[in-house]
Amino acid sequence: MAKKIFDNFEEILGSVILMVMAVITFANVITRYFVMRALAFTEEITINFFVWLVMLGTAIAFKKGANLSMTLFYDFLPKKGRKICFILGTVLSLIFFGLLAWLGYIEVMDEIDLNVTTESLDIPVYYYTIALPVFSVLIFVRIAQAALATIRRNEY
C-alpha cells in the first residue's frame, strides 16, 4: 500500500490540488458575477498552487521519462556517446534540482526568520514556498530512479 502511494504520490497530490483550485476559482467566478464582489484570497491560493502543480508535473515527467528533450544529435551518436550524454544530462539535472532544493530551503528559512506573511490571507508565506525545496527533492529522487532504471536496462 505504501509503495503504491509513493509510486503515485505526484498524481494523487496533483489531483487534489487541481480540484481545490477548480472549486476556489469557480466560487470566485460565482461571487464575482452574482454578488458583484471578488474573493481576493482565491488569486493568492490558485497562483501558488499552480507553482506546486508545475513542480509535481516536472516530477511526473522525469518519473515517466516524458520530459521535453531534443534528440536530433543524440540519436546520431554511437551507443557510447549516448551513454556519456545521458550520464552528463542526468548529473546536470541532479545538480540543478539539488541547488534548487538548497536555495529553496534558504528562502523558506529566511521567510520564517523574517516572519513574512501573505497579503490577502495574512498567513506565513513559507506555507506556499515550502513546495520549492520539498518538490525539488522529490524531482531529484525521481530523476535518480529513472536514471538507475535506464542504466539497468542499458537503454541510452
N, C-alpha and C. Protein backbone atom coordinates (compact mmCIF):
# COMPACT_ATOMS: atom_id res chain seq x y z
N MET A 1 0.83 -1.20 0.00
CA MET A 1 0.00 0.00 0.00
C MET A 1 0.87 1.26 0.00
N ALA A 2 1.89 1.28 0.87
CA ALA A 2 2.77 2.45 0.95
C ALA A 2 3.53 2.63 -0.36
N LYS A 3 3.95 1.52 -0.98
CA LYS A 3 4.67 1.60 -2.26
C LYS A 3 3.76 2.18 -3.34
N LYS A 4 2.50 1.77 -3.35
CA LYS A 4 1.56 2.27 -4.35
C LYS A 4 1.33 3.77 -4.19
N ILE A 5 1.24 4.21 -2.94
CA ILE A 5 1.06 5.64 -2.67
C ILE A 5 2.31 6.41 -3.09
N PHE A 6 3.51 5.88 -2.75
CA PHE A 6 4.75 6.55 -3.14
C PHE A 6 4.91 6.59 -4.65
N ASP A 7 4.55 5.51 -5.33
CA ASP A 7 4.67 5.47 -6.79
C ASP A 7 3.73 6.45 -7.47
N ASN A 8 2.60 6.73 -6.86
CA ASN A 8 1.60 7.62 -7.46
C ASN A 8 1.40 8.91 -6.66
N PHE A 9 2.38 9.26 -5.83
CA PHE A 9 2.26 10.42 -4.95
C PHE A 9 1.96 11.71 -5.72
N GLU A 10 2.71 11.94 -6.80
CA GLU A 10 2.54 13.18 -7.55
C GLU A 10 1.16 13.26 -8.17
N GLU A 11 0.68 12.16 -8.72
CA GLU A 11 -0.64 12.17 -9.36
C GLU A 11 -1.75 12.40 -8.33
N ILE A 12 -1.64 11.76 -7.18
CA ILE A 12 -2.66 11.92 -6.14
C ILE A 12 -2.69 13.35 -5.62
N LEU A 13 -1.51 13.86 -5.22
CA LEU A 13 -1.45 15.22 -4.69
C LEU A 13 -1.84 16.24 -5.75
N GLY A 14 -1.37 16.05 -6.98
CA GLY A 14 -1.72 16.96 -8.06
C GLY A 14 -3.20 17.00 -8.33
N SER A 15 -3.86 15.85 -8.26
CA SER A 15 -5.31 15.80 -8.47
C SER A 15 -6.05 16.56 -7.39
N VAL A 16 -5.62 16.39 -6.16
CA VAL A 16 -6.27 17.10 -5.04
C VAL A 16 -6.07 18.61 -5.18
N ILE A 17 -4.84 19.02 -5.49
CA ILE A 17 -4.56 20.45 -5.65
C ILE A 17 -5.36 21.04 -6.80
N LEU A 18 -5.44 20.33 -7.92
CA LEU A 18 -6.20 20.82 -9.06
C LEU A 18 -7.68 20.93 -8.73
N MET A 19 -8.20 19.97 -7.97
CA MET A 19 -9.60 20.02 -7.56
C MET A 19 -9.85 21.24 -6.66
N VAL A 20 -8.97 21.48 -5.70
CA VAL A 20 -9.10 22.65 -4.82
C VAL A 20 -9.05 23.94 -5.63
N MET A 21 -8.12 24.01 -6.57
CA MET A 21 -8.01 25.20 -7.42
C MET A 21 -9.29 25.43 -8.22
N ALA A 22 -9.84 24.36 -8.78
CA ALA A 22 -11.07 24.49 -9.59
C ALA A 22 -12.24 24.96 -8.74
N VAL A 23 -12.39 24.40 -7.56
CA VAL A 23 -13.50 24.78 -6.67
C VAL A 23 -13.36 26.24 -6.24
N ILE A 24 -12.15 26.63 -5.85
CA ILE A 24 -11.93 28.00 -5.40
C ILE A 24 -12.16 28.99 -6.55
N THR A 25 -11.66 28.67 -7.72
CA THR A 25 -11.83 29.56 -8.86
C THR A 25 -13.30 29.66 -9.26
N PHE A 26 -14.00 28.53 -9.24
CA PHE A 26 -15.43 28.54 -9.55
C PHE A 26 -16.19 29.39 -8.54
N ALA A 27 -15.85 29.25 -7.26
CA ALA A 27 -16.51 30.06 -6.23
C ALA A 27 -16.25 31.54 -6.45
N ASN A 28 -15.05 31.88 -6.87
CA ASN A 28 -14.72 33.28 -7.14
C ASN A 28 -15.53 33.82 -8.32
N VAL A 29 -15.68 33.02 -9.36
CA VAL A 29 -16.46 33.45 -10.52
C VAL A 29 -17.92 33.66 -10.13
N ILE A 30 -18.48 32.74 -9.38
CA ILE A 30 -19.88 32.85 -8.94
C ILE A 30 -20.08 34.11 -8.10
N THR A 31 -19.21 34.33 -7.12
CA THR A 31 -19.39 35.52 -6.27
C THR A 31 -19.16 36.81 -7.05
N ARG A 32 -18.24 36.78 -8.00
CA ARG A 32 -17.96 38.00 -8.78
C ARG A 32 -19.16 38.39 -9.65
N TYR A 33 -19.88 37.40 -10.21
CA TYR A 33 -20.99 37.72 -11.10
C TYR A 33 -22.33 37.86 -10.38
N PHE A 34 -22.51 37.18 -9.27
CA PHE A 34 -23.80 37.25 -8.59
C PHE A 34 -23.79 38.17 -7.39
N VAL A 35 -22.69 38.29 -6.71
CA VAL A 35 -22.61 39.15 -5.53
C VAL A 35 -21.89 40.46 -5.87
N MET A 36 -21.26 40.49 -7.03
CA MET A 36 -20.51 41.65 -7.52
C MET A 36 -19.28 41.96 -6.66
N ARG A 37 -18.76 40.97 -6.00
CA ARG A 37 -17.53 41.10 -5.22
C ARG A 37 -16.65 39.89 -5.50
N ALA A 38 -15.38 40.16 -5.73
CA ALA A 38 -14.44 39.06 -5.94
C ALA A 38 -13.86 38.62 -4.60
N LEU A 39 -13.54 37.37 -4.51
CA LEU A 39 -12.87 36.85 -3.32
C LEU A 39 -11.36 37.03 -3.54
N ALA A 40 -10.76 37.95 -2.83
CA ALA A 40 -9.37 38.33 -3.07
C ALA A 40 -8.39 37.18 -2.81
N PHE A 41 -8.70 36.36 -1.85
CA PHE A 41 -7.76 35.30 -1.47
C PHE A 41 -7.64 34.21 -2.52
N THR A 42 -8.62 34.09 -3.41
CA THR A 42 -8.59 32.99 -4.38
C THR A 42 -7.42 33.12 -5.34
N GLU A 43 -7.07 34.32 -5.72
CA GLU A 43 -5.93 34.51 -6.63
C GLU A 43 -4.64 34.07 -5.96
N GLU A 44 -4.49 34.43 -4.70
CA GLU A 44 -3.28 34.03 -3.96
C GLU A 44 -3.13 32.51 -3.91
N ILE A 45 -4.21 31.84 -3.61
CA ILE A 45 -4.16 30.38 -3.49
C ILE A 45 -3.92 29.73 -4.85
N THR A 46 -4.67 30.14 -5.87
CA THR A 46 -4.54 29.48 -7.16
C THR A 46 -3.16 29.71 -7.80
N ILE A 47 -2.60 30.90 -7.66
CA ILE A 47 -1.28 31.16 -8.23
C ILE A 47 -0.22 30.30 -7.54
N ASN A 48 -0.27 30.24 -6.23
CA ASN A 48 0.72 29.46 -5.51
C ASN A 48 0.53 27.96 -5.72
N PHE A 49 -0.70 27.51 -5.78
CA PHE A 49 -0.93 26.09 -6.06
C PHE A 49 -0.53 25.72 -7.49
N PHE A 50 -0.61 26.69 -8.40
CA PHE A 50 -0.18 26.42 -9.76
C PHE A 50 1.32 26.11 -9.79
N VAL A 51 2.09 26.83 -8.99
CA VAL A 51 3.53 26.54 -8.87
C VAL A 51 3.73 25.12 -8.35
N TRP A 52 2.92 24.73 -7.37
CA TRP A 52 3.01 23.37 -6.83
C TRP A 52 2.74 22.36 -7.94
N LEU A 53 1.71 22.63 -8.77
CA LEU A 53 1.37 21.70 -9.86
C LEU A 53 2.49 21.59 -10.89
N VAL A 54 3.15 22.70 -11.19
CA VAL A 54 4.26 22.67 -12.13
C VAL A 54 5.38 21.78 -11.58
N MET A 55 5.70 21.93 -10.32
CA MET A 55 6.75 21.11 -9.70
C MET A 55 6.35 19.63 -9.70
N LEU A 56 5.10 19.35 -9.37
CA LEU A 56 4.63 17.96 -9.39
C LEU A 56 4.64 17.40 -10.81
N GLY A 57 4.25 18.22 -11.77
CA GLY A 57 4.29 17.78 -13.17
C GLY A 57 5.70 17.50 -13.64
N THR A 58 6.66 18.27 -13.17
CA THR A 58 8.06 18.01 -13.51
C THR A 58 8.51 16.68 -12.94
N ALA A 59 8.11 16.39 -11.70
CA ALA A 59 8.45 15.10 -11.09
C ALA A 59 7.82 13.95 -11.88
N ILE A 60 6.58 14.11 -12.30
CA ILE A 60 5.90 13.07 -13.09
C ILE A 60 6.63 12.87 -14.42
N ALA A 61 7.00 13.96 -15.05
CA ALA A 61 7.68 13.87 -16.35
C ALA A 61 9.00 13.11 -16.22
N PHE A 62 9.78 13.42 -15.21
CA PHE A 62 11.04 12.70 -15.02
C PHE A 62 10.80 11.24 -14.65
N LYS A 63 9.78 11.00 -13.85
CA LYS A 63 9.47 9.63 -13.43
C LYS A 63 9.09 8.77 -14.63
N LYS A 64 8.32 9.32 -15.55
CA LYS A 64 7.84 8.56 -16.70
C LYS A 64 8.72 8.70 -17.93
N GLY A 65 9.78 9.49 -17.82
CA GLY A 65 10.65 9.71 -18.96
C GLY A 65 9.97 10.53 -20.05
N ALA A 66 9.05 11.38 -19.67
CA ALA A 66 8.27 12.14 -20.64
C ALA A 66 8.67 13.61 -20.67
N ASN A 67 9.82 13.93 -20.06
CA ASN A 67 10.24 15.31 -20.07
C ASN A 67 10.69 15.71 -21.48
N LEU A 68 10.58 16.99 -21.76
CA LEU A 68 10.91 17.52 -23.08
C LEU A 68 12.39 17.31 -23.35
N SER A 69 12.68 16.76 -24.51
CA SER A 69 14.09 16.59 -24.89
C SER A 69 14.21 16.71 -26.41
N MET A 70 15.35 17.20 -26.82
CA MET A 70 15.64 17.34 -28.24
C MET A 70 16.74 16.33 -28.55
N THR A 71 16.43 15.34 -29.36
CA THR A 71 17.33 14.20 -29.53
C THR A 71 17.92 14.09 -30.92
N LEU A 72 17.90 15.16 -31.70
CA LEU A 72 18.39 15.09 -33.07
C LEU A 72 19.84 14.61 -33.11
N PHE A 73 20.72 15.28 -32.39
CA PHE A 73 22.13 14.89 -32.39
C PHE A 73 22.36 13.62 -31.57
N TYR A 74 21.62 13.49 -30.48
CA TYR A 74 21.75 12.34 -29.59
C TYR A 74 21.48 11.03 -30.35
N ASP A 75 20.48 11.04 -31.21
CA ASP A 75 20.12 9.83 -31.95
C ASP A 75 21.19 9.41 -32.95
N PHE A 76 21.99 10.35 -33.42
CA PHE A 76 23.05 10.03 -34.38
C PHE A 76 24.34 9.54 -33.71
N LEU A 77 24.42 9.68 -32.40
CA LEU A 77 25.63 9.27 -31.68
C LEU A 77 25.71 7.76 -31.56
N PRO A 78 26.92 7.22 -31.45
CA PRO A 78 27.03 5.79 -31.16
C PRO A 78 26.61 5.54 -29.71
N LYS A 79 26.42 4.27 -29.37
CA LYS A 79 25.92 3.90 -28.03
C LYS A 79 26.76 4.52 -26.92
N LYS A 80 28.08 4.51 -27.06
CA LYS A 80 28.95 5.06 -26.03
C LYS A 80 28.73 6.57 -25.89
N GLY A 81 28.56 7.27 -27.00
CA GLY A 81 28.29 8.70 -26.96
C GLY A 81 26.96 9.02 -26.31
N ARG A 82 25.95 8.21 -26.61
CA ARG A 82 24.63 8.40 -25.97
C ARG A 82 24.71 8.17 -24.47
N LYS A 83 25.51 7.16 -24.08
CA LYS A 83 25.67 6.87 -22.65
C LYS A 83 26.33 8.05 -21.94
N ILE A 84 27.36 8.63 -22.55
CA ILE A 84 28.04 9.79 -21.95
C ILE A 84 27.08 10.97 -21.85
N CYS A 85 26.34 11.23 -22.92
CA CYS A 85 25.36 12.33 -22.90
C CYS A 85 24.28 12.10 -21.85
N PHE A 86 23.81 10.85 -21.75
CA PHE A 86 22.78 10.53 -20.77
C PHE A 86 23.29 10.78 -19.35
N ILE A 87 24.49 10.29 -19.07
CA ILE A 87 25.05 10.47 -17.72
C ILE A 87 25.30 11.94 -17.44
N LEU A 88 25.83 12.66 -18.41
CA LEU A 88 26.08 14.09 -18.23
C LEU A 88 24.77 14.85 -17.99
N GLY A 89 23.75 14.55 -18.79
CA GLY A 89 22.45 15.20 -18.61
C GLY A 89 21.83 14.88 -17.26
N THR A 90 21.96 13.64 -16.83
CA THR A 90 21.42 13.24 -15.54
C THR A 90 22.14 13.94 -14.40
N VAL A 91 23.47 13.98 -14.47
CA VAL A 91 24.25 14.65 -13.42
C VAL A 91 23.91 16.14 -13.37
N LEU A 92 23.81 16.78 -14.51
CA LEU A 92 23.46 18.21 -14.54
C LEU A 92 22.05 18.46 -13.99
N SER A 93 21.12 17.57 -14.31
CA SER A 93 19.76 17.71 -13.77
C SER A 93 19.76 17.53 -12.26
N LEU A 94 20.52 16.56 -11.77
CA LEU A 94 20.60 16.34 -10.32
C LEU A 94 21.23 17.54 -9.63
N ILE A 95 22.27 18.10 -10.24
CA ILE A 95 22.91 19.29 -9.66
C ILE A 95 21.92 20.45 -9.63
N PHE A 96 21.20 20.66 -10.75
CA PHE A 96 20.24 21.76 -10.82
C PHE A 96 19.18 21.64 -9.73
N PHE A 97 18.55 20.47 -9.63
CA PHE A 97 17.47 20.33 -8.64
C PHE A 97 17.99 20.24 -7.22
N GLY A 98 19.22 19.77 -7.06
CA GLY A 98 19.84 19.82 -5.74
C GLY A 98 20.07 21.26 -5.29
N LEU A 99 20.58 22.08 -6.20
CA LEU A 99 20.76 23.51 -5.89
C LEU A 99 19.43 24.20 -5.66
N LEU A 100 18.44 23.86 -6.47
CA LEU A 100 17.12 24.46 -6.30
C LEU A 100 16.53 24.10 -4.93
N ALA A 101 16.73 22.86 -4.51
CA ALA A 101 16.26 22.45 -3.18
C ALA A 101 16.99 23.23 -2.09
N TRP A 102 18.31 23.37 -2.23
CA TRP A 102 19.09 24.08 -1.23
C TRP A 102 18.70 25.56 -1.17
N LEU A 103 18.60 26.21 -2.32
CA LEU A 103 18.23 27.63 -2.34
C LEU A 103 16.78 27.83 -1.89
N GLY A 104 15.90 26.88 -2.22
CA GLY A 104 14.53 26.95 -1.72
C GLY A 104 14.48 26.82 -0.21
N TYR A 105 15.33 25.95 0.33
CA TYR A 105 15.42 25.80 1.79
C TYR A 105 15.87 27.12 2.43
N ILE A 106 16.87 27.75 1.84
CA ILE A 106 17.36 29.04 2.37
C ILE A 106 16.25 30.08 2.32
N GLU A 107 15.49 30.09 1.21
CA GLU A 107 14.38 31.03 1.09
C GLU A 107 13.33 30.80 2.18
N VAL A 108 12.98 29.56 2.40
CA VAL A 108 11.98 29.23 3.42
C VAL A 108 12.49 29.64 4.81
N MET A 109 13.75 29.37 5.09
CA MET A 109 14.32 29.76 6.40
C MET A 109 14.31 31.28 6.57
N ASP A 110 14.62 32.02 5.51
CA ASP A 110 14.57 33.48 5.57
C ASP A 110 13.15 33.97 5.83
N GLU A 111 12.18 33.37 5.16
CA GLU A 111 10.78 33.78 5.36
C GLU A 111 10.32 33.47 6.78
N ILE A 112 10.78 32.37 7.33
CA ILE A 112 10.43 32.05 8.72
C ILE A 112 11.08 33.05 9.66
N ASP A 113 12.37 33.34 9.44
CA ASP A 113 13.09 34.28 10.30
C ASP A 113 12.50 35.68 10.23
N LEU A 114 12.10 36.11 9.04
CA LEU A 114 11.57 37.46 8.86
C LEU A 114 10.07 37.55 9.15
N ASN A 115 9.44 36.40 9.38
CA ASN A 115 8.01 36.35 9.70
C ASN A 115 7.17 37.01 8.61
N VAL A 116 7.46 36.67 7.35
CA VAL A 116 6.76 37.24 6.21
C VAL A 116 5.39 36.58 6.07
N THR A 117 4.37 37.40 5.84
CA THR A 117 3.01 36.87 5.67
C THR A 117 2.45 37.30 4.32
N THR A 118 1.43 36.58 3.88
CA THR A 118 0.79 36.91 2.60
C THR A 118 -0.12 38.11 2.77
N GLU A 119 -0.44 38.76 1.64
CA GLU A 119 -1.23 39.99 1.71
C GLU A 119 -2.69 39.74 2.00
N SER A 120 -3.30 38.79 1.33
CA SER A 120 -4.75 38.66 1.47
C SER A 120 -5.16 37.76 2.64
N LEU A 121 -4.48 36.68 2.87
CA LEU A 121 -4.87 35.76 3.95
C LEU A 121 -4.06 35.98 5.23
N ASP A 122 -2.98 36.73 5.14
CA ASP A 122 -2.12 37.02 6.29
C ASP A 122 -1.62 35.74 6.98
N ILE A 123 -1.24 34.77 6.13
CA ILE A 123 -0.64 33.54 6.65
C ILE A 123 0.84 33.55 6.28
N PRO A 124 1.67 32.78 6.96
CA PRO A 124 3.09 32.77 6.62
C PRO A 124 3.32 32.36 5.16
N VAL A 125 4.18 33.09 4.48
CA VAL A 125 4.48 32.83 3.06
C VAL A 125 5.11 31.47 2.88
N TYR A 126 5.86 31.01 3.87
CA TYR A 126 6.55 29.73 3.70
C TYR A 126 5.57 28.56 3.57
N TYR A 127 4.31 28.75 3.92
CA TYR A 127 3.32 27.69 3.67
C TYR A 127 3.26 27.37 2.18
N TYR A 128 3.45 28.39 1.35
CA TYR A 128 3.43 28.20 -0.09
C TYR A 128 4.82 27.81 -0.62
N THR A 129 5.84 28.53 -0.16
CA THR A 129 7.18 28.34 -0.75
C THR A 129 7.88 27.08 -0.26
N ILE A 130 7.36 26.41 0.74
CA ILE A 130 7.96 25.15 1.18
C ILE A 130 7.91 24.11 0.07
N ALA A 131 7.02 24.32 -0.88
CA ALA A 131 6.91 23.39 -2.01
C ALA A 131 8.19 23.37 -2.84
N LEU A 132 8.88 24.48 -2.94
CA LEU A 132 10.09 24.54 -3.77
C LEU A 132 11.16 23.56 -3.30
N PRO A 133 11.60 23.60 -2.05
CA PRO A 133 12.62 22.61 -1.65
C PRO A 133 12.07 21.19 -1.56
N VAL A 134 10.85 21.04 -1.09
CA VAL A 134 10.29 19.69 -0.92
C VAL A 134 10.11 19.00 -2.27
N PHE A 135 9.50 19.69 -3.22
CA PHE A 135 9.27 19.08 -4.53
C PHE A 135 10.56 18.98 -5.35
N SER A 136 11.53 19.87 -5.09
CA SER A 136 12.83 19.73 -5.75
C SER A 136 13.52 18.44 -5.31
N VAL A 137 13.39 18.12 -4.04
CA VAL A 137 13.94 16.84 -3.55
C VAL A 137 13.19 15.68 -4.18
N LEU A 138 11.88 15.79 -4.31
CA LEU A 138 11.09 14.75 -4.96
C LEU A 138 11.53 14.57 -6.42
N ILE A 139 11.73 15.68 -7.13
CA ILE A 139 12.20 15.61 -8.52
C ILE A 139 13.58 14.97 -8.56
N PHE A 140 14.45 15.33 -7.64
CA PHE A 140 15.79 14.74 -7.55
C PHE A 140 15.70 13.23 -7.43
N VAL A 141 14.81 12.77 -6.54
CA VAL A 141 14.62 11.32 -6.34
C VAL A 141 14.09 10.67 -7.61
N ARG A 142 13.12 11.30 -8.26
CA ARG A 142 12.55 10.72 -9.49
C ARG A 142 13.57 10.68 -10.62
N ILE A 143 14.43 11.68 -10.72
CA ILE A 143 15.50 11.65 -11.73
C ILE A 143 16.43 10.49 -11.46
N ALA A 144 16.83 10.34 -10.20
CA ALA A 144 17.74 9.24 -9.83
C ALA A 144 17.10 7.88 -10.10
N GLN A 145 15.81 7.72 -9.76
CA GLN A 145 15.12 6.46 -10.01
C GLN A 145 15.07 6.15 -11.51
N ALA A 146 14.70 7.14 -12.31
CA ALA A 146 14.60 6.92 -13.75
C ALA A 146 15.97 6.62 -14.35
N ALA A 147 17.00 7.31 -13.88
CA ALA A 147 18.35 7.07 -14.40
C ALA A 147 18.83 5.67 -14.05
N LEU A 148 18.60 5.25 -12.83
CA LEU A 148 19.01 3.90 -12.43
C LEU A 148 18.28 2.84 -13.25
N ALA A 149 16.99 3.06 -13.50
CA ALA A 149 16.22 2.11 -14.31
C ALA A 149 16.77 2.07 -15.75
N THR A 150 17.11 3.21 -16.30
CA THR A 150 17.66 3.27 -17.66
C THR A 150 19.02 2.57 -17.72
N ILE A 151 19.84 2.79 -16.71
CA ILE A 151 21.15 2.15 -16.67
C ILE A 151 21.02 0.64 -16.54
N ARG A 152 20.10 0.18 -15.69
CA ARG A 152 19.88 -1.27 -15.52
C ARG A 152 19.42 -1.93 -16.81
N ARG A 153 18.57 -1.23 -17.56
CA ARG A 153 18.06 -1.77 -18.83
C ARG A 153 19.05 -1.57 -19.98
N ASN A 154 20.07 -0.73 -19.72
CA ASN A 154 21.09 -0.44 -20.73
C ASN A 154 20.45 0.18 -21.99
N GLU A 155 19.50 1.09 -21.77
CA GLU A 155 18.79 1.77 -22.86
C GLU A 155 19.14 3.24 -22.86
N TYR A 156 20.08 3.60 -23.69
CA TYR A 156 20.50 5.01 -23.74
C TYR A 156 20.02 5.65 -25.01
